Amino acid sequence: MTRRRSRPVAALLATLALLAGSVAQAQRYDGPLFDAHLHYNDEAWRAEHTLPDVLGRLQRSGVRAIIANSRPNDGTRTLAAAGEQTRAAGVTVVPFIRLYRNRADYTGWFADETIHAMVLRELAAGTPAGPYRGLGEFHLYDSANANGPVARQLMQLAQARDLAVLAHVDDQAIDLLMAHAPRARLIWAHTGIGGASVERVRALLQKYPMLMGELSYRPGLTDAGGGLSAEWKALLTDHADRFLVGSDTWINARWAGYEGLMADARRWLADLPAPAARRIAWDNAARLFGLPEPAARPAE
């Protein structure tokens, strides 16, 4: 009798497990997002991704604030000047100075005094949305170039003026950059796109209390189903106050797929405890730049 009863019970339990799995897969974090790595480069705003297109994508994605940077800085100024439109979309623009006037600047900015002079001019001019709040994104394809004279000057400038820095670098360059300015607020773009181990990321977070990790393009972050991998779920849960969400719209294809990128982020955020998901999605970046709680989302 016991055996005959166990079969339907086992079947029921299996069905419930499948239903629970389906519900979990369908879950999404549904709170506000702060896109901490957004580019509005000239090939975007000169082509199909006009200001209305961009703001529509942000609004549909539930993005309520952005770190805006562009090559050249004209795109950032365009976003910063669109106060009426950004307010209508419910989006706050946090402007950063990018170090690139053109693609040629990517590989030599760290030793180019004209880049330092350009940054000083931009800081003095500010934007229609207020003062610049940070520097970057910049790249260092060789970590040793973190010791270049302009790299050192700009890290020290950021520390002195309380500017955040968005840096696309490897883990060795994190140590070198922080040596120039130990109290600088450094946002590590992609938290190491080269794939620094979770153990190395954890060690750097412990070593540098002002270091934050931005998670676009991060290898190993998610599994085949789009959920968090076990090791990253553990790291993000343990250090939920140290990570940020980003899109990295560095090419127009990223803009074309923007809503999908943000939906993907909402999928893996749902794998975290709700307070941790909210910190990574919004609270950490909002605290970094002194943003208030977002108002009710405007109608699309």
Protein backbone atom coordinates (compact mmCIF):
# COMPACT_ATOMS: atom_id res chain seq x y z
CA MET A 1 0.00 0.00 0.00
CA THR A 2 2.82 2.37 0.91
CA ARG A 3 4.52 1.77 -2.42
CA ARG A 4 1.34 2.38 -4.41
CA ARG A 5 0.82 5.69 -2.62
CA SER A 6 4.44 6.83 -3.09
CA ARG A 7 4.19 6.89 -6.88
CA PRO A 8 1.53 9.63 -7.17
CA VAL A 9 3.23 11.57 -4.37
CA ALA A 10 6.55 11.40 -6.21
CA ALA A 11 4.87 12.46 -9.44
CA LEU A 12 3.20 15.39 -7.68
CA LEU A 13 6.48 16.51 -6.15
CA ALA A 14 8.19 16.31 -9.53
CA THR A 15 5.43 18.41 -11.10
CA LEU A 16 5.66 21.00 -8.35
CA ALA A 17 9.44 21.17 -8.81
CA LEU A 18 9.01 21.77 -12.54
CA LEU A 19 6.42 24.47 -11.91
CA ALA A 20 8.67 26.15 -9.37
CA GLY A 21 11.52 26.06 -11.86
CA SER A 22 9.33 27.61 -14.53
CA VAL A 23 8.24 30.39 -12.18
CA ALA A 24 11.86 31.08 -11.23
CA GLN A 25 12.83 31.30 -14.87
CA ALA A 26 10.01 33.74 -15.54
CA GLN A 27 11.03 36.07 -12.69
CA ARG A 28 12.61 39.39 -13.47
CA TYR A 29 13.85 42.18 -11.25
CA ASP A 30 11.27 44.88 -11.90
CA GLY A 31 12.73 47.90 -10.08
CA PRO A 32 14.62 50.90 -11.50
CA LEU A 33 17.91 50.50 -13.35
CA PHE A 34 20.92 52.82 -13.35
CA ASP A 35 22.96 52.23 -16.53
CA ALA A 36 26.49 52.90 -15.32
CA HIS A 37 28.20 52.37 -18.68
CA LEU A 38 26.47 54.10 -21.55
CA HIS A 39 28.02 55.65 -24.69
CA TYR A 40 26.33 58.07 -27.06
CA ASN A 41 29.06 58.19 -29.69
CA ASP A 42 28.93 60.22 -32.89
CA GLU A 43 28.03 57.19 -35.03
CA ALA A 44 24.91 56.76 -32.88
CA TRP A 45 23.52 60.29 -32.74
CA ARG A 46 24.49 61.05 -36.36
CA ALA A 47 22.62 57.95 -37.57
CA GLU A 48 19.41 56.23 -36.57
CA HIS A 49 19.74 56.61 -32.78
CA THR A 50 18.39 60.10 -32.40
CA LEU A 51 17.62 61.56 -29.01
CA PRO A 52 13.93 60.47 -29.12
CA ASP A 53 14.99 56.95 -30.11
CA VAL A 54 17.52 56.71 -27.26
CA LEU A 55 15.22 58.13 -24.61
CA GLY A 56 12.44 55.82 -25.76
CA ARG A 57 14.69 52.80 -25.34
CA LEU A 58 15.76 53.93 -21.88
CA GLN A 59 12.18 54.54 -20.80
CA ARG A 60 10.93 51.20 -22.14
CA SER A 61 13.76 49.46 -20.31
CA GLY A 62 13.00 51.07 -16.95
CA VAL A 63 16.36 52.87 -16.91
CA ARG A 64 16.04 55.88 -14.64
CA ALA A 65 19.61 57.22 -14.70
CA ILE A 66 22.72 56.88 -16.86
CA ILE A 67 26.43 57.56 -16.76
CA ALA A 68 26.74 59.32 -20.12
CA ASN A 69 30.03 59.43 -21.99
CA SER A 70 30.78 59.70 -25.69
CA ARG A 71 33.43 59.97 -28.38
CA PRO A 72 33.79 62.92 -28.75
CA ASN A 73 32.06 64.57 -25.79
CA ASP A 74 29.40 66.13 -28.04
CA GLY A 75 27.05 63.19 -27.47
CA THR A 76 27.23 63.60 -23.71
CA ARG A 77 26.57 67.32 -24.02
CA THR A 78 23.57 66.55 -26.24
CA LEU A 79 22.07 64.31 -23.56
CA ALA A 80 22.93 66.82 -20.84
CA ALA A 81 21.26 69.65 -22.77
CA ALA A 82 18.01 67.75 -23.30
CA GLY A 83 16.64 68.56 -19.87
CA GLU A 84 12.99 68.76 -20.85
CA GLN A 85 13.10 65.52 -22.84
CA THR A 86 15.09 63.57 -20.23
CA ARG A 87 12.76 64.72 -17.45
CA ALA A 88 9.75 63.63 -19.51
CA ALA A 89 11.39 60.20 -19.94
CA GLY A 90 12.20 60.03 -16.23
CA VAL A 91 15.96 59.74 -16.90
CA THR A 92 18.73 61.51 -14.95
CA VAL A 93 21.95 62.17 -16.90
CA VAL A 94 25.24 61.89 -14.98
CA PRO A 95 27.85 63.32 -17.40
CA PHE A 96 31.41 61.99 -17.67
CA ILE A 97 34.29 63.39 -19.71
CA ARG A 98 35.58 60.85 -22.19
CA LEU A 99 39.28 61.11 -23.03
CA TYR A 100 38.80 60.43 -26.74
CA ARG A 101 38.29 63.05 -29.39
CA ASN A 102 38.58 60.32 -32.04
CA ARG A 103 39.59 56.67 -32.31
CA ALA A 104 43.26 57.56 -32.57
CA ASP A 105 43.21 58.72 -28.94
CA TYR A 106 42.45 55.22 -27.62
CA THR A 107 46.04 54.04 -27.78
CA GLY A 108 48.05 57.06 -26.65
CA TRP A 109 45.95 59.20 -24.30
CA PHE A 110 47.92 58.17 -21.20
CA ALA A 111 50.98 60.13 -22.43
CA ASP A 112 49.24 62.92 -24.37
CA GLU A 113 49.26 66.25 -22.58
CA THR A 114 46.62 67.63 -24.96
CA ILE A 115 44.18 65.10 -23.43
CA HIS A 116 44.92 66.47 -19.97
CA ALA A 117 44.34 70.02 -21.26
CA MET A 118 41.06 68.96 -22.91
CA VAL A 119 39.82 67.46 -19.65
CA LEU A 120 40.60 70.67 -17.77
CA ARG A 121 38.69 72.71 -20.36
CA GLU A 122 35.68 70.42 -20.17
CA LEU A 123 35.66 70.56 -16.39
CA ALA A 124 35.76 74.35 -16.47
CA ALA A 125 32.88 74.52 -18.97
CA GLY A 126 30.62 71.93 -17.34
CA THR A 127 27.37 70.81 -18.98
CA PRO A 128 23.75 72.01 -19.08
CA ALA A 129 22.97 69.19 -16.63
CA GLY A 130 25.56 70.48 -14.18
CA PRO A 131 29.23 69.71 -13.58
CA TYR A 132 30.89 66.62 -14.94
CA ARG A 133 30.87 63.86 -12.35
CA GLY A 134 33.60 61.62 -13.68
CA LEU A 135 36.26 60.70 -16.24
CA GLY A 136 36.15 57.86 -18.75
CA GLU A 137 35.54 55.37 -20.07
CA PHE A 138 39.20 54.94 -20.98
CA HIS A 139 41.14 51.88 -22.08
CA LEU A 140 44.59 50.59 -21.24
CA TYR A 141 45.54 47.76 -23.57
CA ASP A 142 48.89 47.39 -21.76
CA SER A 143 48.56 47.62 -17.99
CA ALA A 144 52.01 49.27 -17.72
CA ASN A 145 50.56 52.35 -19.42
CA ALA A 146 48.69 53.05 -16.18
CA ASN A 147 51.99 54.66 -15.17
CA GLY A 148 51.92 57.07 -18.11
CA PRO A 149 52.21 60.71 -17.04
CA VAL A 150 48.69 61.71 -18.11
CA ALA A 151 47.15 58.59 -16.57
CA ARG A 152 48.81 59.52 -13.28
CA GLN A 153 47.73 63.18 -13.56
CA LEU A 154 44.13 62.30 -14.31
CA MET A 155 43.84 59.80 -11.47
CA GLN A 156 45.19 62.41 -9.08
CA LEU A 157 42.85 65.03 -10.55
CA ALA A 158 39.89 62.68 -10.06
CA GLN A 159 40.83 62.11 -6.45
CA ALA A 160 41.32 65.82 -5.75
CA ARG A 161 37.98 66.81 -7.34
CA ASP A 162 35.97 63.80 -6.19
CA LEU A 163 35.36 62.58 -9.73
CA ALA A 164 34.56 58.94 -10.42
CA VAL A 165 36.71 57.13 -13.00
CA LEU A 166 35.38 54.52 -15.46
CA ALA A 167 38.33 52.38 -16.56
CA HIS A 168 38.46 49.47 -19.03
CA VAL A 169 41.62 47.80 -17.73
CA ASP A 170 42.95 44.51 -16.42
CA ASP A 171 43.45 43.63 -12.79
CA GLN A 172 47.14 44.59 -12.80
CA ALA A 173 46.26 48.09 -14.00
CA ILE A 174 43.79 48.45 -11.12
CA ASP A 175 46.72 48.18 -8.71
CA LEU A 176 48.79 50.67 -10.71
CA LEU A 177 46.00 53.24 -11.07
CA MET A 178 45.06 53.06 -7.41
CA ALA A 179 48.70 53.56 -6.42
CA HIS A 180 48.47 57.04 -7.98
CA ALA A 181 45.26 57.95 -6.14
CA PRO A 182 44.35 55.56 -3.31
CA ARG A 183 41.14 57.43 -2.45
CA ALA A 184 39.83 57.73 -6.01
CA ARG A 185 36.39 56.32 -6.81
CA LEU A 186 37.25 53.80 -9.52
CA ILE A 187 34.55 51.98 -11.52
CA TRP A 188 36.09 48.89 -13.11
CA ALA A 189 34.39 48.57 -16.51
CA HIS A 190 33.25 44.97 -17.04
CA THR A 191 34.96 44.02 -13.76
CA GLY A 192 37.80 42.78 -15.93
CA ILE A 193 36.69 41.87 -19.42
CA GLY A 194 39.78 39.65 -19.71
CA GLY A 195 38.28 37.29 -17.16
CA ALA A 196 40.11 37.88 -13.89
CA SER A 197 39.08 35.11 -11.51
CA VAL A 198 36.34 35.62 -8.95
CA GLU A 199 38.97 35.15 -6.25
CA ARG A 200 41.08 37.97 -7.74
CA VAL A 201 38.04 40.25 -8.01
CA ARG A 202 37.14 39.52 -4.41
CA ALA A 203 40.69 40.32 -3.29
CA LEU A 204 40.73 43.65 -5.14
CA LEU A 205 37.39 44.66 -3.63
CA GLN A 206 38.76 43.94 -0.20
CA LYS A 207 42.00 45.83 -0.92
CA TYR A 208 40.34 48.95 -2.39
CA PRO A 209 37.19 50.06 -0.53
CA MET A 210 36.38 52.67 -3.22
CA LEU A 211 36.52 50.17 -6.11
CA MET A 212 33.21 49.31 -7.85
CA GLY A 213 32.66 46.65 -10.51
CA GLU A 214 30.47 47.30 -13.58
CA LEU A 215 29.12 44.09 -15.08
CA SER A 216 28.48 44.47 -18.84
CA TYR A 217 30.29 41.87 -20.99
CA ARG A 218 31.64 40.13 -17.87
CA PRO A 219 32.84 36.60 -18.80
CA GLY A 220 31.43 33.89 -16.56
CA LEU A 221 28.74 36.08 -15.01
CA THR A 222 25.81 34.05 -16.34
CA ASP A 223 25.12 30.45 -17.24
CA ALA A 224 23.62 29.05 -20.43
CA GLY A 225 20.11 29.92 -19.26
CA GLY A 226 20.92 33.55 -18.57
CA GLY A 227 20.92 33.16 -14.80
CA LEU A 228 23.87 33.88 -12.56
CA SER A 229 26.66 31.33 -12.38
CA ALA A 230 27.13 29.91 -8.89
CA GLU A 231 30.44 31.67 -8.20
CA TRP A 232 29.15 35.06 -9.34
CA LYS A 233 25.93 34.68 -7.40
CA ALA A 234 28.03 34.11 -4.28
CA LEU A 235 30.28 37.09 -5.01
CA LEU A 236 27.43 39.48 -5.80
CA THR A 237 25.52 38.37 -2.71
CA ASP A 238 28.57 38.83 -0.48
CA HIS A 239 29.47 42.23 -2.00
CA ALA A 240 26.11 43.58 -3.15
CA ASP A 241 27.21 47.14 -2.33
CA ARG A 242 30.15 47.04 -4.78
CA PHE A 243 28.64 46.30 -8.21
CA LEU A 244 26.78 48.21 -10.94
CA VAL A 245 24.74 47.37 -14.06
CA GLY A 246 25.77 48.70 -17.49
CA SER A 247 24.99 48.33 -21.18
CA ASP A 248 28.20 49.48 -22.95
CA THR A 249 26.55 50.87 -26.10
CA TRP A 250 29.93 51.22 -27.81
CA ILE A 251 28.52 50.36 -31.25
CA ASN A 252 25.11 50.94 -32.82
CA ALA A 253 24.26 47.24 -32.62
CA ARG A 254 24.23 47.60 -28.84
CA TRP A 255 21.75 50.44 -29.14
CA ALA A 256 19.58 48.41 -31.51
CA GLY A 257 19.46 45.62 -28.92
CA TYR A 258 19.29 47.86 -25.86
CA GLU A 259 15.98 46.61 -24.49
CA GLY A 260 17.26 43.04 -24.74
CA LEU A 261 20.44 43.91 -22.86
CA MET A 262 18.45 45.40 -20.01
CA ALA A 263 16.04 42.44 -20.01
CA ASP A 264 19.06 40.13 -19.69
CA ALA A 265 20.27 42.13 -16.68
CA ARG A 266 16.84 41.91 -15.08
CA ARG A 267 16.92 38.14 -15.58
CA TRP A 268 20.16 37.58 -13.67
CA LEU A 269 19.35 40.21 -11.04
CA ALA A 270 16.29 38.10 -10.15
CA ASP A 271 18.63 35.31 -9.02
CA LEU A 272 19.83 37.48 -6.14
CA PRO A 273 18.07 38.23 -2.85
CA ALA A 274 15.79 41.20 -3.49
CA PRO A 275 17.82 43.71 -1.41
CA ALA A 276 21.03 42.73 -3.22
CA ALA A 277 19.38 43.03 -6.63
CA ARG A 278 18.09 46.51 -5.80
CA ARG A 279 21.53 47.67 -4.62
CA ILE A 280 23.26 46.52 -7.80
CA ALA A 281 20.51 47.71 -10.13
CA TRP A 282 20.05 51.17 -8.64
CA ASP A 283 21.12 51.99 -5.08
CA ASN A 284 24.90 51.72 -5.44
CA ALA A 285 25.18 54.10 -8.39
CA ALA A 286 22.54 56.43 -6.96
CA ARG A 287 24.54 56.66 -3.72
CA LEU A 288 27.77 57.21 -5.64
CA PHE A 289 26.33 60.31 -7.33
CA GLY A 290 23.87 61.48 -4.70
CA LEU A 291 20.68 60.74 -6.65
CA PRO A 292 17.36 60.57 -4.78
CA GLU A 293 14.85 57.77 -4.99
CA PRO A 294 13.35 57.88 -8.50
CA ALA A 295 9.85 59.24 -8.84
CA ALA A 296 7.05 57.07 -10.17
CA ARG A 297 7.88 55.93 -13.68
CA PRO A 298 6.33 58.21 -16.31
CA ALA A 299 3.92 56.77 -18.84
CA GLU A 300 5.53 55.70 -22.13
